[in-house]
All heavy atoms as atom14 arrays in JSON, in Angstrom:
{
  "sequence": "GATAGVWRRAALWTAPLMLAMHARYHMDKMGGFR",
  "atom14_mask": [
    [1, 1, 1, 1, 0, 0, 0, 0, 0, 0, 0, 0, 0, 0],
    [1, 1, 1, 1, 1, 0, 0, 0, 0, 0, 0, 0, 0, 0],
    [1, 1, 1, 1, 1, 1, 1, 0, 0, 0, 0, 0, 0, 0],
    [1, 1, 1, 1, 1, 0, 0, 0, 0, 0, 0, 0, 0, 0],
    [1, 1, 1, 1, 0, 0, 0, 0, 0, 0, 0, 0, 0, 0],
    [1, 1, 1, 1, 1, 1, 1, 0, 0, 0, 0, 0, 0, 0],
    [1, 1, 1, 1, 1, 1, 1, 1, 1, 1, 1, 1, 1, 1],
    [1, 1, 1, 1, 1, 1, 1, 1, 1, 1, 1, 0, 0, 0],
    [1, 1, 1, 1, 1, 1, 1, 1, 1, 1, 1, 0, 0, 0],
    [1, 1, 1, 1, 1, 0, 0, 0, 0, 0, 0, 0, 0, 0],
    [1, 1, 1, 1, 1, 0, 0, 0, 0, 0, 0, 0, 0, 0],
    [1, 1, 1, 1, 1, 1, 1, 1, 0, 0, 0, 0, 0, 0],
    [1, 1, 1, 1, 1, 1, 1, 1, 1, 1, 1, 1, 1, 1],
    [1, 1, 1, 1, 1, 1, 1, 0, 0, 0, 0, 0, 0, 0],
    [1, 1, 1, 1, 1, 0, 0, 0, 0, 0, 0, 0, 0, 0],
    [1, 1, 1, 1, 1, 1, 1, 0, 0, 0, 0, 0, 0, 0],
    [1, 1, 1, 1, 1, 1, 1, 1, 0, 0, 0, 0, 0, 0],
    [1, 1, 1, 1, 1, 1, 1, 1, 0, 0, 0, 0, 0, 0],
    [1, 1, 1, 1, 1, 1, 1, 1, 0, 0, 0, 0, 0, 0],
    [1, 1, 1, 1, 1, 0, 0, 0, 0, 0, 0, 0, 0, 0],
    [1, 1, 1, 1, 1, 1, 1, 1, 0, 0, 0, 0, 0, 0],
    [1, 1, 1, 1, 1, 1, 1, 1, 1, 1, 0, 0, 0, 0],
    [1, 1, 1, 1, 1, 0, 0, 0, 0, 0, 0, 0, 0, 0],
    [1, 1, 1, 1, 1, 1, 1, 1, 1, 1, 1, 0, 0, 0],
    [1, 1, 1, 1, 1, 1, 1, 1, 1, 1, 1, 1, 0, 0],
    [1, 1, 1, 1, 1, 1, 1, 1, 1, 1, 0, 0, 0, 0],
    [1, 1, 1, 1, 1, 1, 1, 1, 0, 0, 0, 0, 0, 0],
    [1, 1, 1, 1, 1, 1, 1, 1, 0, 0, 0, 0, 0, 0],
    [1, 1, 1, 1, 1, 1, 1, 1, 1, 0, 0, 0, 0, 0],
    [1, 1, 1, 1, 1, 1, 1, 1, 0, 0, 0, 0, 0, 0],
    [1, 1, 1, 1, 0, 0, 0, 0, 0, 0, 0, 0, 0, 0],
    [1, 1, 1, 1, 0, 0, 0, 0, 0, 0, 0, 0, 0, 0],
    [1, 1, 1, 1, 1, 1, 1, 1, 1, 1, 1, 0, 0, 0],
    [1, 1, 1, 1, 1, 1, 1, 1, 1, 1, 1, 0, 0, 0]
  ],
  "atom14_positions": [
    [[-79.17, 92.33, -40.97], [-79.69, 91.15, -40.27], [-79.07, 89.86, -40.78], [-77.85, 89.79, -41.03], [0.0, 0.0, 0.0], [0.0, 0.0, 0.0], [0.0, 0.0, 0.0], [0.0, 0.0, 0.0], [0.0, 0.0, 0.0], [0.0, 0.0, 0.0], [0.0, 0.0, 0.0], [0.0, 0.0, 0.0], [0.0, 0.0, 0.0], [0.0, 0.0, 0.0]],
    [[-79.89, 88.84, -40.97], [-79.39, 87.52, -41.39], [-78.79, 87.54, -42.78], [-77.96, 86.68, -43.12], [-80.52, 86.49, -41.32], [0.0, 0.0, 0.0], [0.0, 0.0, 0.0], [0.0, 0.0, 0.0], [0.0, 0.0, 0.0], [0.0, 0.0, 0.0], [0.0, 0.0, 0.0], [0.0, 0.0, 0.0], [0.0, 0.0, 0.0], [0.0, 0.0, 0.0]],
    [[-79.18, 88.5, -43.62], [-78.65, 88.54, -44.98], [-77.15, 88.86, -45.03], [-76.51, 88.68, -46.06], [-79.4, 89.58, -45.83], [-79.23, 90.88, -45.25], [-80.88, 89.25, -45.91], [0.0, 0.0, 0.0], [0.0, 0.0, 0.0], [0.0, 0.0, 0.0], [0.0, 0.0, 0.0], [0.0, 0.0, 0.0], [0.0, 0.0, 0.0], [0.0, 0.0, 0.0]],
    [[-76.6, 89.34, -43.9], [-75.16, 89.62, -43.85], [-74.33, 88.35, -43.79], [-73.13, 88.36, -44.08], [-74.85, 90.51, -42.66], [0.0, 0.0, 0.0], [0.0, 0.0, 0.0], [0.0, 0.0, 0.0], [0.0, 0.0, 0.0], [0.0, 0.0, 0.0], [0.0, 0.0, 0.0], [0.0, 0.0, 0.0], [0.0, 0.0, 0.0], [0.0, 0.0, 0.0]],
    [[-74.97, 87.22, -43.4], [-74.24, 85.96, -43.32], [-73.13, 86.02, -42.27], [-73.28, 86.63, -41.21], [0.0, 0.0, 0.0], [0.0, 0.0, 0.0], [0.0, 0.0, 0.0], [0.0, 0.0, 0.0], [0.0, 0.0, 0.0], [0.0, 0.0, 0.0], [0.0, 0.0, 0.0], [0.0, 0.0, 0.0], [0.0, 0.0, 0.0], [0.0, 0.0, 0.0]],
    [[-71.99, 85.41, -42.59], [-70.87, 85.36, -41.64], [-70.29, 86.74, -41.38], [-69.63, 86.96, -40.35], [-69.75, 84.43, -42.16], [-70.25, 83.0, -42.27], [-69.22, 84.92, -43.49], [0.0, 0.0, 0.0], [0.0, 0.0, 0.0], [0.0, 0.0, 0.0], [0.0, 0.0, 0.0], [0.0, 0.0, 0.0], [0.0, 0.0, 0.0], [0.0, 0.0, 0.0]],
    [[-70.54, 87.68, -42.28], [-69.98, 89.01, -42.13], [-70.68, 89.81, -41.03], [-70.15, 90.82, -40.56], [-70.04, 89.77, -43.45], [-69.28, 89.06, -44.53], [-69.79, 88.39, -45.6], [-67.86, 88.92, -44.61], [-68.78, 87.85, -46.35], [-67.57, 88.15, -45.77], [-66.79, 89.37, -43.82], [-66.28, 87.84, -46.14], [-65.5, 89.05, -44.19], [-65.25, 88.29, -45.34]],
    [[-71.86, 89.34, -40.6], [-72.55, 90.02, -39.49], [-71.73, 89.91, -38.21], [-71.5, 90.9, -37.51], [-73.94, 89.41, -39.3], [-74.71, 89.97, -38.11], [-76.12, 89.39, -38.06], [-76.75, 89.6, -36.78], [-77.36, 90.72, -36.41], [-77.43, 91.72, -37.24], [-77.9, 90.82, -35.21], [0.0, 0.0, 0.0], [0.0, 0.0, 0.0], [0.0, 0.0, 0.0]],
    [[-71.25, 88.69, -37.91], [-70.41, 88.51, -36.72], [-69.05, 89.17, -36.91], [-68.49, 89.75, -35.98], [-70.25, 87.01, -36.43], [-69.47, 86.72, -35.13], [-69.44, 85.23, -34.84], [-70.77, 84.73, -34.54], [-71.32, 84.77, -33.32], [-70.65, 85.3, -32.32], [-72.52, 84.28, -33.12], [0.0, 0.0, 0.0], [0.0, 0.0, 0.0], [0.0, 0.0, 0.0]],
    [[-68.52, 89.08, -38.13], [-67.22, 89.7, -38.4], [-67.29, 91.21, -38.17], [-66.35, 91.82, -37.63], [-66.78, 89.4, -39.82], [0.0, 0.0, 0.0], [0.0, 0.0, 0.0], [0.0, 0.0, 0.0], [0.0, 0.0, 0.0], [0.0, 0.0, 0.0], [0.0, 0.0, 0.0], [0.0, 0.0, 0.0], [0.0, 0.0, 0.0], [0.0, 0.0, 0.0]],
    [[-68.41, 91.83, -38.56], [-68.57, 93.27, -38.37], [-68.58, 93.62, -36.88], [-68.01, 94.63, -36.46], [-69.87, 93.74, -39.02], [0.0, 0.0, 0.0], [0.0, 0.0, 0.0], [0.0, 0.0, 0.0], [0.0, 0.0, 0.0], [0.0, 0.0, 0.0], [0.0, 0.0, 0.0], [0.0, 0.0, 0.0], [0.0, 0.0, 0.0], [0.0, 0.0, 0.0]],
    [[-69.24, 92.78, -36.08], [-69.33, 93.03, -34.64], [-67.95, 93.02, -33.99], [-67.64, 93.85, -33.12], [-70.23, 91.98, -33.98], [-70.38, 92.08, -32.46], [-71.05, 93.39, -32.08], [-71.19, 90.89, -31.92], [0.0, 0.0, 0.0], [0.0, 0.0, 0.0], [0.0, 0.0, 0.0], [0.0, 0.0, 0.0], [0.0, 0.0, 0.0], [0.0, 0.0, 0.0]],
    [[-67.07, 92.1, -34.39], [-65.75, 91.98, -33.79], [-64.77, 93.0, -34.37], [-63.82, 93.42, -33.7], [-65.2, 90.57, -33.98], [-65.9, 89.56, -33.12], [-66.86, 88.68, -33.51], [-65.73, 89.37, -31.71], [-67.31, 87.93, -32.44], [-66.62, 88.34, -31.31], [-64.93, 89.96, -30.75], [-66.71, 87.91, -30.0], [-65.01, 89.52, -29.43], [-65.9, 88.5, -29.07]],
    [[-64.99, 93.37, -35.61], [-64.05, 94.3, -36.26], [-64.25, 95.74, -35.79], [-63.28, 96.5, -35.67], [-64.22, 94.24, -37.79], [-64.05, 92.9, -38.24], [-63.2, 95.13, -38.49], [0.0, 0.0, 0.0], [0.0, 0.0, 0.0], [0.0, 0.0, 0.0], [0.0, 0.0, 0.0], [0.0, 0.0, 0.0], [0.0, 0.0, 0.0], [0.0, 0.0, 0.0]],
    [[-65.5, 96.13, -35.5], [-65.8, 97.52, -35.13], [-64.97, 98.01, -33.93], [-64.34, 99.08, -34.02], [-67.3, 97.68, -34.86], [0.0, 0.0, 0.0], [0.0, 0.0, 0.0], [0.0, 0.0, 0.0], [0.0, 0.0, 0.0], [0.0, 0.0, 0.0], [0.0, 0.0, 0.0], [0.0, 0.0, 0.0], [0.0, 0.0, 0.0], [0.0, 0.0, 0.0]],
    [[-64.93, 97.28, -32.8], [-64.11, 97.78, -31.68], [-62.62, 97.83, -32.0], [-61.89, 98.67, -31.47], [-64.41, 96.8, -30.54], [-65.03, 95.61, -31.17], [-65.69, 96.08, -32.41], [0.0, 0.0, 0.0], [0.0, 0.0, 0.0], [0.0, 0.0, 0.0], [0.0, 0.0, 0.0], [0.0, 0.0, 0.0], [0.0, 0.0, 0.0], [0.0, 0.0, 0.0]],
    [[-62.17, 96.93, -32.88], [-60.76, 96.96, -33.28], [-60.46, 98.24, -34.07], [-59.38, 98.83, -33.92], [-60.42, 95.74, -34.13], [-60.47, 94.38, -33.41], [-60.22, 93.25, -34.41], [-59.44, 94.35, -32.28], [0.0, 0.0, 0.0], [0.0, 0.0, 0.0], [0.0, 0.0, 0.0], [0.0, 0.0, 0.0], [0.0, 0.0, 0.0], [0.0, 0.0, 0.0]],
    [[-61.42, 98.68, -34.89], [-61.23, 99.92, -35.64], [-61.13, 101.11, -34.67], [-60.3, 102.01, -34.86], [-62.39, 100.14, -36.61], [-62.57, 99.06, -37.67], [-61.14, 98.88, -38.75], [-61.18, 100.41, -39.64], [0.0, 0.0, 0.0], [0.0, 0.0, 0.0], [0.0, 0.0, 0.0], [0.0, 0.0, 0.0], [0.0, 0.0, 0.0], [0.0, 0.0, 0.0]],
    [[-61.96, 101.11, -33.65], [-61.88, 102.18, -32.65], [-60.57, 102.13, -31.89], [-60.01, 103.17, -31.5], [-63.06, 102.09, -31.68], [-64.46, 102.32, -32.27], [-65.53, 102.08, -31.23], [-64.58, 103.74, -32.83], [0.0, 0.0, 0.0], [0.0, 0.0, 0.0], [0.0, 0.0, 0.0], [0.0, 0.0, 0.0], [0.0, 0.0, 0.0], [0.0, 0.0, 0.0]],
    [[-60.06, 100.92, -31.68], [-58.79, 100.75, -30.95], [-57.59, 101.27, -31.72], [-56.5, 101.41, -31.16], [-58.57, 99.28, -30.6], [0.0, 0.0, 0.0], [0.0, 0.0, 0.0], [0.0, 0.0, 0.0], [0.0, 0.0, 0.0], [0.0, 0.0, 0.0], [0.0, 0.0, 0.0], [0.0, 0.0, 0.0], [0.0, 0.0, 0.0], [0.0, 0.0, 0.0]],
    [[-57.77, 101.58, -33.0], [-56.67, 102.14, -33.8], [-56.2, 103.49, -33.25], [-55.11, 103.95, -33.59], [-57.09, 102.3, -35.25], [-57.09, 101.01, -36.06], [-55.43, 100.3, -36.24], [-54.68, 101.53, -37.31], [0.0, 0.0, 0.0], [0.0, 0.0, 0.0], [0.0, 0.0, 0.0], [0.0, 0.0, 0.0], [0.0, 0.0, 0.0], [0.0, 0.0, 0.0]],
    [[-57.0, 104.1, -32.38], [-56.55, 105.36, -31.78], [-55.31, 105.15, -30.91], [-54.55, 106.1, -30.65], [-57.67, 105.96, -30.94], [-57.39, 107.36, -30.46], [-57.4, 108.44, -31.32], [-57.06, 107.85, -29.23], [-57.1, 109.53, -30.64], [-56.89, 109.21, -29.38], [0.0, 0.0, 0.0], [0.0, 0.0, 0.0], [0.0, 0.0, 0.0], [0.0, 0.0, 0.0]],
    [[-55.1, 103.92, -30.48], [-53.93, 103.62, -29.65], [-52.61, 103.81, -30.41], [-51.54, 103.8, -29.8], [-54.02, 102.17, -29.14], [0.0, 0.0, 0.0], [0.0, 0.0, 0.0], [0.0, 0.0, 0.0], [0.0, 0.0, 0.0], [0.0, 0.0, 0.0], [0.0, 0.0, 0.0], [0.0, 0.0, 0.0], [0.0, 0.0, 0.0], [0.0, 0.0, 0.0]],
    [[-52.69, 104.03, -31.71], [-51.45, 104.24, -32.48], [-50.7, 105.47, -32.03], [-49.49, 105.58, -32.24], [-51.79, 104.36, -33.97], [-52.54, 105.61, -34.38], [-52.94, 105.57, -35.84], [-53.55, 106.81, -36.33], [-54.83, 107.1, -36.21], [-55.66, 106.24, -35.61], [-55.31, 108.24, -36.69], [0.0, 0.0, 0.0], [0.0, 0.0, 0.0], [0.0, 0.0, 0.0]],
    [[-51.41, 106.41, -31.38], [-50.75, 107.61, -30.9], [-49.91, 107.33, -29.65], [-49.2, 108.23, -29.18], [-51.79, 108.69, -30.58], [-52.47, 109.24, -31.81], [-53.81, 109.0, -32.09], [-51.75, 110.01, -32.73], [-54.43, 109.51, -33.22], [-52.36, 110.52, -33.87], [-53.69, 110.27, -34.1], [-54.3, 110.78, -35.24], [0.0, 0.0, 0.0], [0.0, 0.0, 0.0]],
    [[-50.0, 106.11, -29.12], [-49.25, 105.75, -27.91], [-48.31, 104.57, -28.16], [-47.96, 103.85, -27.24], [-50.23, 105.41, -26.77], [-51.26, 106.47, -26.54], [-50.97, 107.66, -25.9], [-52.57, 106.54, -26.89], [-52.06, 108.42, -25.85], [-53.04, 107.76, -26.44], [0.0, 0.0, 0.0], [0.0, 0.0, 0.0], [0.0, 0.0, 0.0], [0.0, 0.0, 0.0]],
    [[-47.9, 104.4, -29.4], [-47.03, 103.28, -29.77], [-45.71, 103.29, -28.99], [-45.18, 102.24, -28.64], [-46.74, 103.32, -31.27], [-47.95, 103.09, -32.15], [-48.34, 101.36, -32.43], [-47.06, 100.91, -33.6], [0.0, 0.0, 0.0], [0.0, 0.0, 0.0], [0.0, 0.0, 0.0], [0.0, 0.0, 0.0], [0.0, 0.0, 0.0], [0.0, 0.0, 0.0]],
    [[-45.2, 104.48, -28.73], [-43.9, 104.58, -28.07], [-43.95, 104.17, -26.6], [-42.9, 104.04, -25.95], [-43.35, 106.0, -28.19], [-44.32, 107.04, -27.62], [-45.52, 106.75, -27.56], [-43.85, 108.12, -27.23], [0.0, 0.0, 0.0], [0.0, 0.0, 0.0], [0.0, 0.0, 0.0], [0.0, 0.0, 0.0], [0.0, 0.0, 0.0], [0.0, 0.0, 0.0]],
    [[-45.15, 103.96, -26.05], [-45.29, 103.6, -24.64], [-45.68, 102.14, -24.44], [-46.04, 101.74, -23.34], [-46.35, 104.5, -23.98], [-46.01, 105.99, -24.05], [-47.13, 106.82, -23.46], [-46.84, 108.32, -23.6], [-47.96, 109.15, -23.1], [0.0, 0.0, 0.0], [0.0, 0.0, 0.0], [0.0, 0.0, 0.0], [0.0, 0.0, 0.0], [0.0, 0.0, 0.0]],
    [[-45.64, 101.34, -25.5], [-46.14, 99.97, -25.43], [-45.1, 98.95, -24.99], [-45.42, 97.79, -24.77], [-46.74, 99.56, -26.77], [-48.01, 100.33, -27.1], [-48.84, 99.74, -28.58], [-50.26, 100.82, -28.62], [0.0, 0.0, 0.0], [0.0, 0.0, 0.0], [0.0, 0.0, 0.0], [0.0, 0.0, 0.0], [0.0, 0.0, 0.0], [0.0, 0.0, 0.0]],
    [[-43.84, 99.35, -24.88], [-42.81, 98.48, -24.35], [-42.72, 97.16, -25.09], [-42.57, 97.1, -26.31], [0.0, 0.0, 0.0], [0.0, 0.0, 0.0], [0.0, 0.0, 0.0], [0.0, 0.0, 0.0], [0.0, 0.0, 0.0], [0.0, 0.0, 0.0], [0.0, 0.0, 0.0], [0.0, 0.0, 0.0], [0.0, 0.0, 0.0], [0.0, 0.0, 0.0]],
    [[-42.88, 96.04, -24.34], [-42.75, 94.71, -24.91], [-43.85, 94.34, -25.88], [-43.72, 93.37, -26.64], [0.0, 0.0, 0.0], [0.0, 0.0, 0.0], [0.0, 0.0, 0.0], [0.0, 0.0, 0.0], [0.0, 0.0, 0.0], [0.0, 0.0, 0.0], [0.0, 0.0, 0.0], [0.0, 0.0, 0.0], [0.0, 0.0, 0.0], [0.0, 0.0, 0.0]],
    [[-44.97, 95.1, -25.86], [-46.07, 94.83, -26.78], [-45.88, 95.51, -28.14], [-46.7, 95.34, -29.04], [-47.4, 95.3, -26.17], [-47.81, 94.53, -24.95], [-47.58, 95.03, -23.68], [-48.44, 93.29, -25.07], [-47.96, 94.32, -22.56], [-48.82, 92.57, -23.95], [-48.57, 93.08, -22.68], [0.0, 0.0, 0.0], [0.0, 0.0, 0.0], [0.0, 0.0, 0.0]],
    [[-44.79, 96.26, -28.28], [-44.58, 97.01, -29.52], [-44.54, 96.13, -30.77], [-45.15, 96.47, -31.79], [-43.31, 97.85, -29.4], [-42.99, 98.7, -30.62], [-44.11, 99.7, -30.92], [-43.89, 100.42, -32.16], [-43.34, 101.63, -32.25], [-42.95, 102.25, -31.14], [-43.17, 102.21, -33.4], [0.0, 0.0, 0.0], [0.0, 0.0, 0.0], [0.0, 0.0, 0.0]]
  ]
}
């Protein structure tokens, strides 16, 4: 809850990015975004 301070919001934004790491298996298809 509130005791997390600024890290509460940071955790919310970081979690989906961690899940997005699965995209590493498709690095060769990213073209200009590589």
